[in-house]
Amino acid sequence: MLRGCLIVTGILHLVAAAGAGVAGVPTPAVTWLLALGLIVSLGVLYERSRYQAIADKSPGPDWQATGERFIDPESGKLVAVHFKPATGERCTCGCERRAQGLRRPSLARFQSDHSSQKT
């Protein structure tokens, strides 16, 4: 939803820049509209190509698990990170374990261990 709104906003800025240029609006205003439209539109399109979707299964035998795991905020799935040593490419794939059973470590133990060390 947000991506779509940003792309539409960027395109509207580009159309406004073209219309302002044809109408004889001063150059700084046209340049501002053009730059803003290009930055927003290209930024959103780059972001879409940069961040890939989460794969359903492990990528293959030439990939190694990094040990990094996190819960994807969009899907709520537990995700593992893999990398390919030959190229350094990274990918994310869903894990077999379900994210609902995970708990964050308690800070109580950490705080009690370190509170006794204060002098």
Protein backbone atom coordinates (compact mmCIF):
# COMPACT_ATOMS: atom_id res chain seq x y z
CA MET A 1 0.00 0.00 0.00
CA LEU A 2 2.72 2.45 1.02
CA ARG A 3 4.88 1.49 -1.97
CA GLY A 4 1.99 2.13 -4.33
CA CYS A 5 1.27 5.52 -2.78
CA LEU A 6 4.94 6.51 -3.03
CA ILE A 7 5.18 5.44 -6.68
CA VAL A 8 2.00 7.39 -7.51
CA THR A 9 3.37 10.43 -5.66
CA GLY A 10 6.64 10.22 -7.55
CA ILE A 11 4.87 9.90 -10.90
CA LEU A 12 2.60 12.84 -10.06
CA HIS A 13 5.68 14.94 -9.31
CA LEU A 14 7.17 13.96 -12.68
CA VAL A 15 3.95 14.84 -14.49
CA ALA A 16 3.76 18.14 -12.61
CA ALA A 17 7.37 18.90 -13.57
CA ALA A 18 6.61 18.22 -17.23
CA GLY A 19 3.49 20.38 -17.09
CA ALA A 20 5.29 23.17 -15.26
CA GLY A 21 8.12 23.08 -17.81
CA VAL A 22 5.67 23.38 -20.68
CA ALA A 23 3.76 26.17 -18.90
CA GLY A 24 6.91 28.24 -18.46
CA VAL A 25 7.25 27.96 -14.67
CA PRO A 26 10.72 29.10 -13.46
CA THR A 27 13.46 26.49 -13.75
CA PRO A 28 14.14 25.97 -10.00
CA ALA A 29 10.55 24.88 -9.38
CA VAL A 30 10.60 22.48 -12.34
CA THR A 31 13.97 21.10 -11.23
CA TRP A 32 12.68 20.59 -7.68
CA LEU A 33 9.59 18.70 -8.87
CA LEU A 34 11.64 16.61 -11.30
CA ALA A 35 14.30 15.72 -8.72
CA LEU A 36 11.75 14.85 -6.04
CA GLY A 37 9.74 12.69 -8.45
CA LEU A 38 12.83 10.83 -9.64
CA ILE A 39 14.21 10.26 -6.14
CA VAL A 40 10.93 8.92 -4.77
CA SER A 41 10.05 6.75 -7.80
CA LEU A 42 13.51 5.30 -8.35
CA GLY A 43 14.08 4.83 -4.62
CA VAL A 44 10.95 2.73 -4.25
CA LEU A 45 11.70 0.70 -7.38
CA TYR A 46 15.29 0.09 -6.21
CA GLU A 47 14.07 -0.99 -2.79
CA ARG A 48 11.71 -3.51 -4.38
CA SER A 49 14.51 -5.08 -6.40
CA ARG A 50 17.06 -4.94 -3.57
CA TYR A 51 15.08 -6.81 -0.93
CA GLN A 52 13.95 -10.20 -2.13
CA ALA A 53 11.05 -12.32 -0.96
CA ILE A 54 11.56 -15.05 1.60
CA ALA A 55 12.13 -18.48 0.01
CA ASP A 56 10.00 -21.42 1.18
CA LYS A 57 12.89 -23.91 1.47
CA SER A 58 16.67 -23.94 1.87
CA PRO A 59 18.51 -22.67 -1.21
CA GLY A 60 20.77 -25.66 -1.93
CA PRO A 61 23.92 -27.59 -0.98
CA ASP A 62 26.38 -24.84 -1.95
CA TRP A 63 24.78 -22.42 0.55
CA GLN A 64 25.71 -22.28 4.25
CA ALA A 65 23.55 -21.22 7.17
CA THR A 66 24.87 -18.16 9.01
CA GLY A 67 23.06 -18.93 12.25
CA GLU A 68 21.12 -15.67 11.96
CA ARG A 69 17.41 -16.08 12.63
CA PHE A 70 14.71 -13.49 13.02
CA ILE A 71 10.98 -13.11 12.84
CA ASP A 72 9.86 -11.39 9.66
CA PRO A 73 7.68 -8.45 10.68
CA GLU A 74 5.41 -8.72 7.62
CA SER A 75 4.63 -12.44 7.71
CA GLY A 76 5.41 -13.35 11.33
CA LYS A 77 7.47 -16.33 10.10
CA LEU A 78 10.77 -17.44 11.57
CA VAL A 79 13.42 -16.76 8.93
CA ALA A 80 16.98 -18.10 8.60
CA VAL A 81 19.79 -16.40 6.67
CA HIS A 82 22.07 -18.38 4.30
CA PHE A 83 25.06 -17.28 2.26
CA LYS A 84 26.99 -18.60 -0.72
CA PRO A 85 30.74 -18.52 0.08
CA ALA A 86 31.75 -18.38 -3.60
CA THR A 87 29.90 -15.12 -4.28
CA GLY A 88 29.02 -13.73 -0.84
CA GLU A 89 25.35 -13.61 -1.87
CA ARG A 90 22.84 -13.84 0.97
CA CYS A 91 19.28 -15.15 0.99
CA THR A 92 16.55 -15.66 3.54
CA CYS A 93 14.32 -18.69 3.82
CA GLY A 94 11.56 -19.80 6.15
CA CYS A 95 12.49 -22.19 8.97
CA GLU A 96 10.73 -25.38 9.96
CA ARG A 97 10.15 -24.18 13.53
CA ARG A 98 7.19 -21.93 14.08
CA ALA A 99 7.70 -18.41 15.35
CA GLN A 100 4.85 -18.67 17.89
CA GLY A 101 6.90 -20.91 20.19
CA LEU A 102 9.82 -18.50 20.41
CA ARG A 103 10.36 -16.22 23.35
CA ARG A 104 12.79 -13.41 23.78
CA PRO A 105 15.44 -14.05 26.44
CA SER A 106 14.59 -12.54 29.78
CA LEU A 107 16.63 -9.57 30.93
CA ALA A 108 15.99 -10.51 34.55
CA ARG A 109 18.79 -13.09 34.54
CA PHE A 110 21.18 -10.70 32.81
CA GLN A 111 20.37 -7.91 35.24
CA SER A 112 20.71 -10.12 38.32
CA ASP A 113 24.09 -11.47 37.10
CA HIS A 114 25.45 -7.96 36.57
CA SER A 115 23.85 -6.27 39.58
CA SER A 116 25.87 -8.43 41.94
CA GLN A 117 29.11 -7.31 40.21
CA LYS A 118 28.60 -3.63 41.04
CA THR A 119 30.95 -2.34 43.70
